[in-house]
């Protein structure tokens, strides 16, 4: 498996941009749509996608071409996230 750049649409159903941890059924607004170029694991059909807008790093999950936003943090955390994933990969062998 490799990651590749893909054009995808990501929906923020649960107001993750503003730090909400509420389930989508409890959010009382329409989801926010992002049409982005993202680094996708699993291609346009989905597994995991990452993209940056401004100073923020976005992470989305996907299935069958449907993408939903799961987390947002400052892009300065990217190096630490990569270090954590590299450490996990080394543990796996």
N, C-alpha and C. Protein backbone atom coordinates (compact mmCIF):
# COMPACT_ATOMS: atom_id res chain seq x y z
N UNK A 1 0.83 -1.19 0.00
CA UNK A 1 0.00 0.00 0.00
C UNK A 1 0.87 1.25 0.00
N UNK A 2 0.45 2.20 -0.77
CA UNK A 2 1.15 3.49 -0.79
C UNK A 2 0.14 4.62 -0.68
N UNK A 3 0.61 5.72 -0.17
CA UNK A 3 -0.22 6.93 -0.13
C UNK A 3 -0.05 7.68 -1.44
N UNK A 4 -1.11 8.32 -1.88
CA UNK A 4 -1.02 9.12 -3.10
C UNK A 4 -1.94 10.32 -3.00
N UNK A 5 -1.66 11.33 -3.81
CA UNK A 5 -2.48 12.54 -3.83
C UNK A 5 -3.78 12.24 -4.57
N UNK A 6 -4.88 12.65 -3.98
CA UNK A 6 -6.20 12.44 -4.58
C UNK A 6 -7.06 13.68 -4.37
N UNK A 7 -7.95 13.92 -5.29
CA UNK A 7 -8.96 14.97 -5.13
C UNK A 7 -10.17 14.32 -4.50
N UNK A 8 -10.55 14.78 -3.29
CA UNK A 8 -11.67 14.18 -2.57
C UNK A 8 -12.56 15.26 -1.96
N UNK A 9 -13.75 14.87 -1.57
CA UNK A 9 -14.66 15.71 -0.82
C UNK A 9 -14.76 15.13 0.58
N UNK A 10 -14.51 15.99 1.58
CA UNK A 10 -14.57 15.58 2.98
C UNK A 10 -15.67 16.38 3.66
N UNK A 11 -16.47 15.70 4.48
CA UNK A 11 -17.57 16.35 5.20
C UNK A 11 -17.25 16.41 6.68
N UNK A 12 -17.44 17.59 7.28
CA UNK A 12 -17.30 17.76 8.72
C UNK A 12 -18.70 17.72 9.32
N UNK A 13 -19.16 16.52 9.62
CA UNK A 13 -20.50 16.32 10.18
C UNK A 13 -20.60 16.72 11.64
N UNK A 14 -19.50 16.59 12.39
CA UNK A 14 -19.54 16.74 13.85
C UNK A 14 -18.83 17.99 14.35
N UNK A 15 -18.60 18.95 13.46
CA UNK A 15 -17.95 20.21 13.82
C UNK A 15 -16.57 19.99 14.45
N UNK A 16 -15.82 19.06 13.87
CA UNK A 16 -14.47 18.75 14.35
C UNK A 16 -13.56 19.97 14.25
N UNK A 17 -13.77 20.81 13.24
CA UNK A 17 -12.94 22.00 13.09
C UNK A 17 -12.93 22.83 14.37
N UNK A 18 -14.04 22.84 15.07
CA UNK A 18 -14.14 23.63 16.29
C UNK A 18 -14.01 22.79 17.55
N UNK A 19 -13.49 21.57 17.41
CA UNK A 19 -13.17 20.74 18.56
C UNK A 19 -14.32 19.94 19.14
N UNK A 20 -15.42 19.86 18.43
CA UNK A 20 -16.57 19.13 18.96
C UNK A 20 -16.29 17.63 18.97
N UNK A 21 -16.71 16.98 20.03
CA UNK A 21 -16.64 15.52 20.12
C UNK A 21 -18.04 14.92 20.11
N UNK A 22 -19.02 15.75 19.78
CA UNK A 22 -20.39 15.27 19.74
C UNK A 22 -20.60 14.33 18.56
N UNK A 23 -21.47 13.34 18.72
CA UNK A 23 -21.82 12.51 17.57
C UNK A 23 -22.61 13.33 16.57
N UNK A 24 -22.51 13.01 15.29
CA UNK A 24 -23.20 13.80 14.26
C UNK A 24 -24.69 13.99 14.53
N UNK A 25 -25.35 13.02 15.15
CA UNK A 25 -26.80 13.14 15.39
C UNK A 25 -27.14 14.27 16.35
N UNK A 26 -26.17 14.74 17.14
CA UNK A 26 -26.44 15.80 18.11
C UNK A 26 -26.06 17.19 17.59
N UNK A 27 -25.43 17.27 16.42
CA UNK A 27 -25.05 18.55 15.83
C UNK A 27 -26.26 19.11 15.09
N UNK A 28 -26.54 20.38 15.29
CA UNK A 28 -27.75 20.98 14.74
C UNK A 28 -27.49 21.88 13.53
N UNK A 29 -26.42 21.63 12.80
CA UNK A 29 -26.14 22.43 11.61
C UNK A 29 -25.82 21.51 10.45
N UNK A 30 -25.81 22.07 9.27
CA UNK A 30 -25.44 21.29 8.10
C UNK A 30 -23.94 21.02 8.11
N UNK A 31 -23.52 19.87 7.60
CA UNK A 31 -22.08 19.57 7.57
C UNK A 31 -21.33 20.54 6.66
N UNK A 32 -20.07 20.78 6.99
CA UNK A 32 -19.21 21.64 6.18
C UNK A 32 -18.51 20.76 5.16
N UNK A 33 -18.46 21.23 3.93
CA UNK A 33 -17.87 20.48 2.83
C UNK A 33 -16.48 21.04 2.51
N UNK A 34 -15.51 20.15 2.34
CA UNK A 34 -14.17 20.51 1.91
C UNK A 34 -13.85 19.74 0.64
N UNK A 35 -13.59 20.44 -0.45
CA UNK A 35 -13.10 19.82 -1.68
C UNK A 35 -11.60 20.06 -1.72
N UNK A 36 -10.80 19.00 -1.55
CA UNK A 36 -9.37 19.17 -1.31
C UNK A 36 -8.54 18.16 -2.09
N UNK A 37 -7.27 18.52 -2.25
CA UNK A 37 -6.23 17.58 -2.66
C UNK A 37 -5.64 17.04 -1.36
N UNK A 38 -5.70 15.75 -1.17
CA UNK A 38 -5.24 15.15 0.08
C UNK A 38 -4.29 14.00 -0.20
N UNK A 39 -3.48 13.67 0.78
CA UNK A 39 -2.69 12.45 0.73
C UNK A 39 -3.57 11.34 1.27
N UNK A 40 -3.88 10.38 0.41
CA UNK A 40 -4.84 9.34 0.76
C UNK A 40 -4.18 7.97 0.85
N UNK A 41 -4.50 7.26 1.90
CA UNK A 41 -4.15 5.84 2.02
C UNK A 41 -5.41 5.09 1.61
N UNK A 42 -5.29 4.25 0.60
CA UNK A 42 -6.47 3.55 0.10
C UNK A 42 -7.09 4.22 -1.12
N UNK A 43 -6.49 5.29 -1.59
CA UNK A 43 -6.99 5.96 -2.79
C UNK A 43 -8.29 6.71 -2.54
N UNK A 44 -8.97 7.07 -3.63
CA UNK A 44 -10.18 7.87 -3.51
C UNK A 44 -11.32 7.10 -2.83
N UNK A 45 -11.24 5.78 -2.81
CA UNK A 45 -12.28 4.98 -2.16
C UNK A 45 -12.21 5.10 -0.64
N UNK A 46 -10.99 5.34 -0.11
CA UNK A 46 -10.89 5.68 1.28
C UNK A 46 -10.31 4.66 2.24
N UNK A 47 -9.63 5.13 3.16
CA UNK A 47 -9.20 4.54 4.42
C UNK A 47 -8.86 5.72 5.32
N UNK A 48 -7.81 6.45 4.94
CA UNK A 48 -7.37 7.61 5.73
C UNK A 48 -6.83 8.66 4.77
N UNK A 49 -7.09 9.94 5.08
CA UNK A 49 -6.61 11.05 4.24
C UNK A 49 -6.12 12.18 5.12
N UNK A 50 -5.12 12.89 4.61
CA UNK A 50 -4.52 14.02 5.34
C UNK A 50 -4.39 15.20 4.39
N UNK A 51 -4.73 16.40 4.89
CA UNK A 51 -4.56 17.60 4.09
C UNK A 51 -4.36 18.78 5.01
N UNK A 52 -3.79 19.86 4.46
CA UNK A 52 -3.54 21.07 5.23
C UNK A 52 -4.29 22.22 4.58
N UNK A 53 -4.96 23.00 5.40
CA UNK A 53 -5.57 24.25 4.98
C UNK A 53 -5.08 25.30 5.96
N UNK A 54 -4.39 26.32 5.44
CA UNK A 54 -3.84 27.35 6.31
C UNK A 54 -2.84 26.75 7.28
N UNK A 55 -3.07 26.95 8.57
CA UNK A 55 -2.17 26.44 9.61
C UNK A 55 -2.65 25.13 10.21
N UNK A 56 -3.67 24.51 9.64
CA UNK A 56 -4.27 23.34 10.26
C UNK A 56 -4.06 22.08 9.44
N UNK A 57 -3.80 20.99 10.15
CA UNK A 57 -3.67 19.65 9.58
C UNK A 57 -4.98 18.92 9.83
N UNK A 58 -5.60 18.43 8.78
CA UNK A 58 -6.88 17.73 8.85
C UNK A 58 -6.66 16.24 8.60
N UNK A 59 -7.43 15.41 9.30
CA UNK A 59 -7.39 13.97 9.10
C UNK A 59 -8.82 13.49 8.86
N UNK A 60 -9.00 12.68 7.83
CA UNK A 60 -10.32 12.18 7.49
C UNK A 60 -10.28 10.67 7.34
N UNK A 61 -11.39 10.03 7.64
CA UNK A 61 -11.59 8.62 7.37
C UNK A 61 -12.50 8.51 6.17
N UNK A 62 -12.37 7.39 5.46
CA UNK A 62 -13.21 7.22 4.29
C UNK A 62 -13.58 5.77 4.06
N UNK A 63 -14.70 5.60 3.34
CA UNK A 63 -15.17 4.28 2.97
C UNK A 63 -16.05 4.42 1.73
N UNK A 64 -15.74 3.64 0.72
CA UNK A 64 -16.51 3.66 -0.53
C UNK A 64 -16.65 5.06 -1.13
N UNK A 65 -15.60 5.88 -1.00
CA UNK A 65 -15.61 7.21 -1.58
C UNK A 65 -16.27 8.28 -0.73
N UNK A 66 -16.80 7.91 0.43
CA UNK A 66 -17.41 8.86 1.35
C UNK A 66 -16.38 9.19 2.42
N UNK A 67 -16.03 10.47 2.55
CA UNK A 67 -15.01 10.90 3.51
C UNK A 67 -15.62 11.79 4.58
N UNK A 68 -15.20 11.59 5.84
CA UNK A 68 -15.67 12.42 6.95
C UNK A 68 -14.49 12.84 7.81
N UNK A 69 -14.53 14.07 8.29
CA UNK A 69 -13.46 14.65 9.08
C UNK A 69 -13.45 14.02 10.47
N UNK A 70 -12.26 13.61 10.92
CA UNK A 70 -12.16 13.00 12.26
C UNK A 70 -11.30 13.81 13.22
N UNK A 71 -10.35 14.60 12.70
CA UNK A 71 -9.55 15.40 13.62
C UNK A 71 -8.90 16.58 12.91
N UNK A 72 -8.59 17.60 13.72
CA UNK A 72 -7.92 18.80 13.24
C UNK A 72 -6.92 19.22 14.32
N UNK A 73 -5.70 19.54 13.90
CA UNK A 73 -4.72 20.08 14.83
C UNK A 73 -3.82 21.05 14.06
N UNK A 74 -2.99 21.79 14.77
CA UNK A 74 -2.08 22.72 14.11
C UNK A 74 -1.06 21.93 13.30
N UNK A 75 -0.69 22.44 12.14
CA UNK A 75 0.23 21.72 11.27
C UNK A 75 1.62 21.53 11.90
N UNK A 76 1.94 22.30 12.93
CA UNK A 76 3.23 22.12 13.62
C UNK A 76 3.33 20.76 14.31
N UNK A 77 2.21 20.06 14.51
CA UNK A 77 2.22 18.73 15.12
C UNK A 77 2.59 17.63 14.12
N UNK A 78 2.65 17.95 12.83
CA UNK A 78 2.90 16.94 11.81
C UNK A 78 4.20 16.17 12.06
N UNK A 79 5.28 16.85 12.40
CA UNK A 79 6.55 16.16 12.63
C UNK A 79 6.41 15.14 13.75
N UNK A 80 5.76 15.50 14.84
CA UNK A 80 5.58 14.57 15.96
C UNK A 80 4.68 13.40 15.57
N UNK A 81 3.64 13.66 14.78
CA UNK A 81 2.76 12.58 14.31
C UNK A 81 3.56 11.60 13.47
N UNK A 82 4.41 12.12 12.57
CA UNK A 82 5.24 11.25 11.74
C UNK A 82 6.21 10.43 12.59
N UNK A 83 6.78 11.04 13.62
CA UNK A 83 7.68 10.31 14.52
C UNK A 83 6.94 9.17 15.23
N UNK A 84 5.72 9.43 15.67
CA UNK A 84 4.92 8.41 16.34
C UNK A 84 4.60 7.26 15.39
N UNK A 85 4.21 7.58 14.16
CA UNK A 85 3.90 6.53 13.19
C UNK A 85 5.14 5.74 12.80
N UNK A 86 6.28 6.41 12.69
CA UNK A 86 7.53 5.72 12.39
C UNK A 86 7.89 4.77 13.52
N UNK A 87 7.73 5.22 14.78
CA UNK A 87 7.99 4.35 15.92
C UNK A 87 7.08 3.14 15.92
N UNK A 88 5.80 3.35 15.63
CA UNK A 88 4.86 2.25 15.57
C UNK A 88 5.23 1.27 14.47
N UNK A 89 5.64 1.81 13.32
CA UNK A 89 6.03 0.96 12.20
C UNK A 89 7.25 0.11 12.55
N UNK A 90 8.21 0.67 13.28
CA UNK A 90 9.39 -0.08 13.70
C UNK A 90 9.01 -1.20 14.68
N UNK A 91 8.05 -0.94 15.56
CA UNK A 91 7.59 -1.96 16.50
C UNK A 91 6.93 -3.13 15.78
N UNK A 92 6.32 -2.85 14.66
CA UNK A 92 5.65 -3.90 13.89
C UNK A 92 6.63 -4.78 13.13
N UNK A 93 7.85 -4.23 12.93
CA UNK A 93 8.89 -5.00 12.24
C UNK A 93 8.92 -4.78 10.83
